[in-house]
Amino acid sequence: MSNATKGITVAGWCLLVSVAVTVVASFLPWYSISFLGLTATENGWNGLWWVPTVIAIGVAVIYLLGVVTSLATSAKARLVLPIAGLASFVLTLIILIDIVVRGTSAVQFDDPDAILPETIASSGPSFGIIIALLATGATAFFAAKVAHEGGAKLPFRNQGPR
């Protein structure tokens, strides 16, 4: 193992993987709309949906700066990690709620002779936002674990893997 990765703990690796999954999920479809059999999607870089991803990347950068250099090694500096991780999760959750409230609908054409009504248009959340929500939740959890390992006093007890 190289000197650069020697200081990364198991929780740190989990944090970095969860951020990587968040970045990958940002390129997957978050919102889809179908109209007469044609489907269009939007990924996590639409509008301001990129903010939680950038915050998660910032969490990874701050963590790695603390590992590689002497920057961000104090307990107070490590407290930024769970706060930013939680902000990323909450913003992703708000985006999911917005997509559900704004878009989950279907317009159906009722043909009396049809067995099932034909859907003309529908829209709603896609699988990418669910993966992003799980990944940002993991980012928040492992950011808290890393901050706790670094000596930060958290307002709750972290019962994660030891």
C-alpha atoms as a PDB file:
ATOM      1  CA  MET A   1       0.000   0.000   0.000  1.00  0.00           C
ATOM      2  CA  SER A   2       1.386   3.409  -0.920  1.00  0.00           C
ATOM      3  CA  ASN A   3       2.044   6.173   1.582  1.00  0.00           C
ATOM      4  CA  ALA A   4      -0.824   8.231   0.173  1.00  0.00           C
ATOM      5  CA  THR A   5      -3.415   5.571   0.991  1.00  0.00           C
ATOM      6  CA  LYS A   6      -1.837   4.350   4.231  1.00  0.00           C
ATOM      7  CA  GLY A   7      -3.873   6.702   6.437  1.00  0.00           C
ATOM      8  CA  ILE A   8      -7.258   5.789   4.937  1.00  0.00           C
ATOM      9  CA  THR A   9      -9.357   3.754   7.356  1.00  0.00           C
ATOM     10  CA  VAL A  10     -12.061   1.238   6.470  1.00  0.00           C
ATOM     11  CA  ALA A  11     -14.713   3.890   7.120  1.00  0.00           C
ATOM     12  CA  GLY A  12     -12.700   6.253   4.918  1.00  0.00           C
ATOM     13  CA  TRP A  13     -12.701   3.752   2.054  1.00  0.00           C
ATOM     14  CA  CYS A  14     -16.448   3.276   2.510  1.00  0.00           C
ATOM     15  CA  LEU A  15     -16.872   7.050   2.397  1.00  0.00           C
ATOM     16  CA  LEU A  16     -14.870   7.300  -0.822  1.00  0.00           C
ATOM     17  CA  VAL A  17     -16.813   4.438  -2.432  1.00  0.00           C
ATOM     18  CA  SER A  18     -20.157   5.975  -1.471  1.00  0.00           C
ATOM     19  CA  VAL A  19     -19.084   9.285  -3.019  1.00  0.00           C
ATOM     20  CA  ALA A  20     -17.992   7.442  -6.180  1.00  0.00           C
ATOM     21  CA  VAL A  21     -21.403   5.720  -6.349  1.00  0.00           C
ATOM     22  CA  THR A  22     -23.058   9.133  -5.902  1.00  0.00           C
ATOM     23  CA  VAL A  23     -21.091  10.490  -8.868  1.00  0.00           C
ATOM     24  CA  VAL A  24     -22.000   7.480 -11.023  1.00  0.00           C
ATOM     25  CA  ALA A  25     -25.667   7.766  -9.976  1.00  0.00           C
ATOM     26  CA  SER A  26     -25.695  11.421 -11.017  1.00  0.00           C
ATOM     27  CA  PHE A  27     -25.283  10.303 -14.633  1.00  0.00           C
ATOM     28  CA  LEU A  28     -28.146   7.792 -14.431  1.00  0.00           C
ATOM     29  CA  PRO A  29     -31.768   8.818 -15.110  1.00  0.00           C
ATOM     30  CA  TRP A  30     -33.362  10.632 -12.155  1.00  0.00           C
ATOM     31  CA  TYR A  31     -36.608  11.650 -13.822  1.00  0.00           C
ATOM     32  CA  SER A  32     -38.393  10.078 -16.750  1.00  0.00           C
ATOM     33  CA  ILE A  33     -41.386  11.050 -18.824  1.00  0.00           C
ATOM     34  CA  SER A  34     -43.139   8.853 -21.347  1.00  0.00           C
ATOM     35  CA  PHE A  35     -45.508  10.088 -24.017  1.00  0.00           C
ATOM     36  CA  LEU A  36     -47.111   7.734 -26.541  1.00  0.00           C
ATOM     37  CA  GLY A  37     -44.360   5.174 -26.081  1.00  0.00           C
ATOM     38  CA  LEU A  38     -41.485   7.669 -26.339  1.00  0.00           C
ATOM     39  CA  THR A  39     -39.382   8.162 -23.227  1.00  0.00           C
ATOM     40  CA  ALA A  40     -37.167  11.061 -22.189  1.00  0.00           C
ATOM     41  CA  THR A  41     -35.033  11.198 -19.049  1.00  0.00           C
ATOM     42  CA  GLU A  42     -33.124  13.756 -17.020  1.00  0.00           C
ATOM     43  CA  ASN A  43     -30.039  12.887 -14.997  1.00  0.00           C
ATOM     44  CA  GLY A  44     -28.571  14.452 -11.861  1.00  0.00           C
ATOM     45  CA  TRP A  45     -26.945  17.312 -13.776  1.00  0.00           C
ATOM     46  CA  ASN A  46     -30.286  18.914 -14.666  1.00  0.00           C
ATOM     47  CA  GLY A  47     -31.137  22.282 -13.121  1.00  0.00           C
ATOM     48  CA  LEU A  48     -29.737  22.470  -9.591  1.00  0.00           C
ATOM     49  CA  TRP A  49     -29.824  18.712  -9.087  1.00  0.00           C
ATOM     50  CA  TRP A  50     -26.012  18.672  -9.317  1.00  0.00           C
ATOM     51  CA  VAL A  51     -25.588  20.400  -5.928  1.00  0.00           C
ATOM     52  CA  PRO A  52     -25.794  17.226  -3.746  1.00  0.00           C
ATOM     53  CA  THR A  53     -23.242  15.494  -5.985  1.00  0.00           C
ATOM     54  CA  VAL A  54     -20.805  18.403  -5.775  1.00  0.00           C
ATOM     55  CA  ILE A  55     -21.229  18.529  -1.984  1.00  0.00           C
ATOM     56  CA  ALA A  56     -20.489  14.777  -1.787  1.00  0.00           C
ATOM     57  CA  ILE A  57     -17.364  15.285  -3.907  1.00  0.00           C
ATOM     58  CA  GLY A  58     -16.370  18.076  -1.515  1.00  0.00           C
ATOM     59  CA  VAL A  59     -16.716  15.667   1.417  1.00  0.00           C
ATOM     60  CA  ALA A  60     -14.315  13.243  -0.286  1.00  0.00           C
ATOM     61  CA  VAL A  61     -11.843  16.033  -1.107  1.00  0.00           C
ATOM     62  CA  ILE A  62     -11.842  17.355   2.472  1.00  0.00           C
ATOM     63  CA  TYR A  63     -11.351  13.830   3.814  1.00  0.00           C
ATOM     64  CA  LEU A  64      -8.479  13.120   1.432  1.00  0.00           C
ATOM     65  CA  LEU A  65      -6.838  16.462   2.258  1.00  0.00           C
ATOM     66  CA  GLY A  66      -6.907  15.430   5.898  1.00  0.00           C
ATOM     67  CA  VAL A  67      -5.314  12.079   5.086  1.00  0.00           C
ATOM     68  CA  VAL A  68      -2.648  13.235   2.630  1.00  0.00           C
ATOM     69  CA  THR A  69      -1.728  16.588   4.188  1.00  0.00           C
ATOM     70  CA  SER A  70      -2.003  18.172   7.589  1.00  0.00           C
ATOM     71  CA  LEU A  71      -5.005  20.226   6.423  1.00  0.00           C
ATOM     72  CA  ALA A  72      -8.407  19.459   7.947  1.00  0.00           C
ATOM     73  CA  THR A  73      -6.990  17.134  10.590  1.00  0.00           C
ATOM     74  CA  SER A  74      -8.369  18.930  13.633  1.00  0.00           C
ATOM     75  CA  ALA A  75     -11.518  17.613  15.265  1.00  0.00           C
ATOM     76  CA  LYS A  76     -13.386  20.816  14.409  1.00  0.00           C
ATOM     77  CA  ALA A  77     -12.350  20.585  10.762  1.00  0.00           C
ATOM     78  CA  ARG A  78     -13.518  16.955  10.668  1.00  0.00           C
ATOM     79  CA  LEU A  79     -16.948  18.078  11.925  1.00  0.00           C
ATOM     80  CA  VAL A  80     -17.554  19.596   8.481  1.00  0.00           C
ATOM     81  CA  LEU A  81     -17.662  16.103   6.952  1.00  0.00           C
ATOM     82  CA  PRO A  82     -20.896  14.800   8.532  1.00  0.00           C
ATOM     83  CA  ILE A  83     -22.606  18.184   8.179  1.00  0.00           C
ATOM     84  CA  ALA A  84     -21.831  18.320   4.454  1.00  0.00           C
ATOM     85  CA  GLY A  85     -22.693  14.632   4.029  1.00  0.00           C
ATOM     86  CA  LEU A  86     -26.044  15.169   5.724  1.00  0.00           C
ATOM     87  CA  ALA A  87     -26.681  18.254   3.562  1.00  0.00           C
ATOM     88  CA  SER A  88     -26.032  16.160   0.446  1.00  0.00           C
ATOM     89  CA  PHE A  89     -28.485  13.493   1.640  1.00  0.00           C
ATOM     90  CA  VAL A  90     -31.195  15.999   2.594  1.00  0.00           C
ATOM     91  CA  LEU A  91     -30.902  17.826  -0.733  1.00  0.00           C
ATOM     92  CA  THR A  92     -31.173  14.537  -2.625  1.00  0.00           C
ATOM     93  CA  LEU A  93     -34.256  13.666  -0.568  1.00  0.00           C
ATOM     94  CA  ILE A  94     -35.795  17.080  -1.357  1.00  0.00           C
ATOM     95  CA  ILE A  95     -35.146  16.485  -5.068  1.00  0.00           C
ATOM     96  CA  LEU A  96     -36.838  13.073  -4.857  1.00  0.00           C
ATOM     97  CA  ILE A  97     -39.858  14.586  -3.080  1.00  0.00           C
ATOM     98  CA  ASP A  98     -40.007  17.343  -5.710  1.00  0.00           C
ATOM     99  CA  ILE A  99     -39.938  14.773  -8.522  1.00  0.00           C
ATOM    100  CA  VAL A 100     -42.666  12.702  -6.872  1.00  0.00           C
ATOM    101  CA  VAL A 101     -44.910  15.702  -6.179  1.00  0.00           C
ATOM    102  CA  ARG A 102     -44.285  17.353  -9.520  1.00  0.00           C
ATOM    103  CA  GLY A 103     -44.254  14.424 -11.832  1.00  0.00           C
ATOM    104  CA  THR A 104     -45.829  11.155 -10.760  1.00  0.00           C
ATOM    105  CA  SER A 105     -48.910  11.123 -12.891  1.00  0.00           C
ATOM    106  CA  ALA A 106     -50.395   9.272 -15.800  1.00  0.00           C
ATOM    107  CA  VAL A 107     -52.867  10.238 -18.489  1.00  0.00           C
ATOM    108  CA  GLN A 108     -54.841   7.235 -19.652  1.00  0.00           C
ATOM    109  CA  PHE A 109     -57.011   6.693 -22.685  1.00  0.00           C
ATOM    110  CA  ASP A 110     -60.027   4.640 -21.727  1.00  0.00           C
ATOM    111  CA  ASP A 111     -61.176   2.434 -24.560  1.00  0.00           C
ATOM    112  CA  PRO A 112     -64.315   0.550 -23.564  1.00  0.00           C
ATOM    113  CA  ASP A 113     -63.237  -2.455 -25.653  1.00  0.00           C
ATOM    114  CA  ALA A 114     -59.674  -2.607 -24.240  1.00  0.00           C
ATOM    115  CA  ILE A 115     -58.794  -5.041 -21.469  1.00  0.00           C
ATOM    116  CA  LEU A 116     -56.431  -2.529 -19.856  1.00  0.00           C
ATOM    117  CA  PRO A 117     -56.503   1.231 -20.345  1.00  0.00           C
ATOM    118  CA  GLU A 118     -53.648   2.520 -22.513  1.00  0.00           C
ATOM    119  CA  THR A 119     -51.341   5.030 -20.858  1.00  0.00           C
ATOM    120  CA  ILE A 120     -50.734   8.055 -23.074  1.00  0.00           C
ATOM    121  CA  ALA A 121     -48.306   9.916 -20.814  1.00  0.00           C
ATOM    122  CA  SER A 122     -46.649   9.317 -17.464  1.00  0.00           C
ATOM    123  CA  SER A 123     -43.756  10.793 -15.548  1.00  0.00           C
ATOM    124  CA  GLY A 124     -41.961  10.286 -12.271  1.00  0.00           C
ATOM    125  CA  PRO A 125     -38.720   9.364 -10.520  1.00  0.00           C
ATOM    126  CA  SER A 126     -36.308   6.947 -12.136  1.00  0.00           C
ATOM    127  CA  PHE A 127     -33.811   4.487 -10.627  1.00  0.00           C
ATOM    128  CA  GLY A 128     -30.852   6.914 -10.588  1.00  0.00           C
ATOM    129  CA  ILE A 129     -32.360   9.145  -7.896  1.00  0.00           C
ATOM    130  CA  ILE A 130     -32.962   6.116  -5.665  1.00  0.00           C
ATOM    131  CA  ILE A 131     -29.342   4.989  -6.039  1.00  0.00           C
ATOM    132  CA  ALA A 132     -28.175   8.567  -5.394  1.00  0.00           C
ATOM    133  CA  LEU A 133     -30.338   8.788  -2.258  1.00  0.00           C
ATOM    134  CA  LEU A 134     -28.884   5.540  -0.888  1.00  0.00           C
ATOM    135  CA  ALA A 135     -25.337   6.620  -1.771  1.00  0.00           C
ATOM    136  CA  THR A 136     -25.660  10.068  -0.180  1.00  0.00           C
ATOM    137  CA  GLY A 137     -27.148   8.418   2.911  1.00  0.00           C
ATOM    138  CA  ALA A 138     -24.090   6.175   3.070  1.00  0.00           C
ATOM    139  CA  THR A 139     -21.880   9.224   2.525  1.00  0.00           C
ATOM    140  CA  ALA A 140     -23.497  10.980   5.497  1.00  0.00           C
ATOM    141  CA  PHE A 141     -23.120   7.880   7.687  1.00  0.00           C
ATOM    142  CA  PHE A 142     -19.490   7.200   6.836  1.00  0.00           C
ATOM    143  CA  ALA A 143     -18.626  10.908   7.042  1.00  0.00           C
ATOM    144  CA  ALA A 144     -19.915  10.834  10.619  1.00  0.00           C
ATOM    145  CA  LYS A 145     -17.909   7.672  11.287  1.00  0.00           C
ATOM    146  CA  VAL A 146     -14.718   9.234   9.866  1.00  0.00           C
ATOM    147  CA  ALA A 147     -15.269  12.429  11.862  1.00  0.00           C
ATOM    148  CA  HIS A 148     -15.764  10.365  15.022  1.00  0.00           C
ATOM    149  CA  GLU A 149     -12.544   8.461  14.318  1.00  0.00           C
ATOM    150  CA  GLY A 150     -10.786  11.801  13.881  1.00  0.00           C
ATOM    151  CA  GLY A 151     -11.854  12.963  17.336  1.00  0.00           C
ATOM    152  CA  ALA A 152     -14.828  15.150  16.439  1.00  0.00           C
ATOM    153  CA  LYS A 153     -17.512  15.406  19.118  1.00  0.00           C
ATOM    154  CA  LEU A 154     -20.758  14.493  17.399  1.00  0.00           C
ATOM    155  CA  PRO A 155     -24.147  15.360  18.930  1.00  0.00           C
ATOM    156  CA  PHE A 156     -25.120  11.680  18.691  1.00  0.00           C
ATOM    157  CA  ARG A 157     -23.512   8.339  19.327  1.00  0.00           C
ATOM    158  CA  ASN A 158     -22.300   6.629  16.165  1.00  0.00           C
ATOM    159  CA  GLN A 159     -22.962   2.896  16.395  1.00  0.00           C
ATOM    160  CA  GLY A 160     -21.530   1.972  12.996  1.00  0.00           C
ATOM    161  CA  PRO A 161     -18.980  -0.707  12.171  1.00  0.00           C
ATOM    162  CA  ARG A 162     -15.897  -0.556  14.320  1.00  0.00           C
END
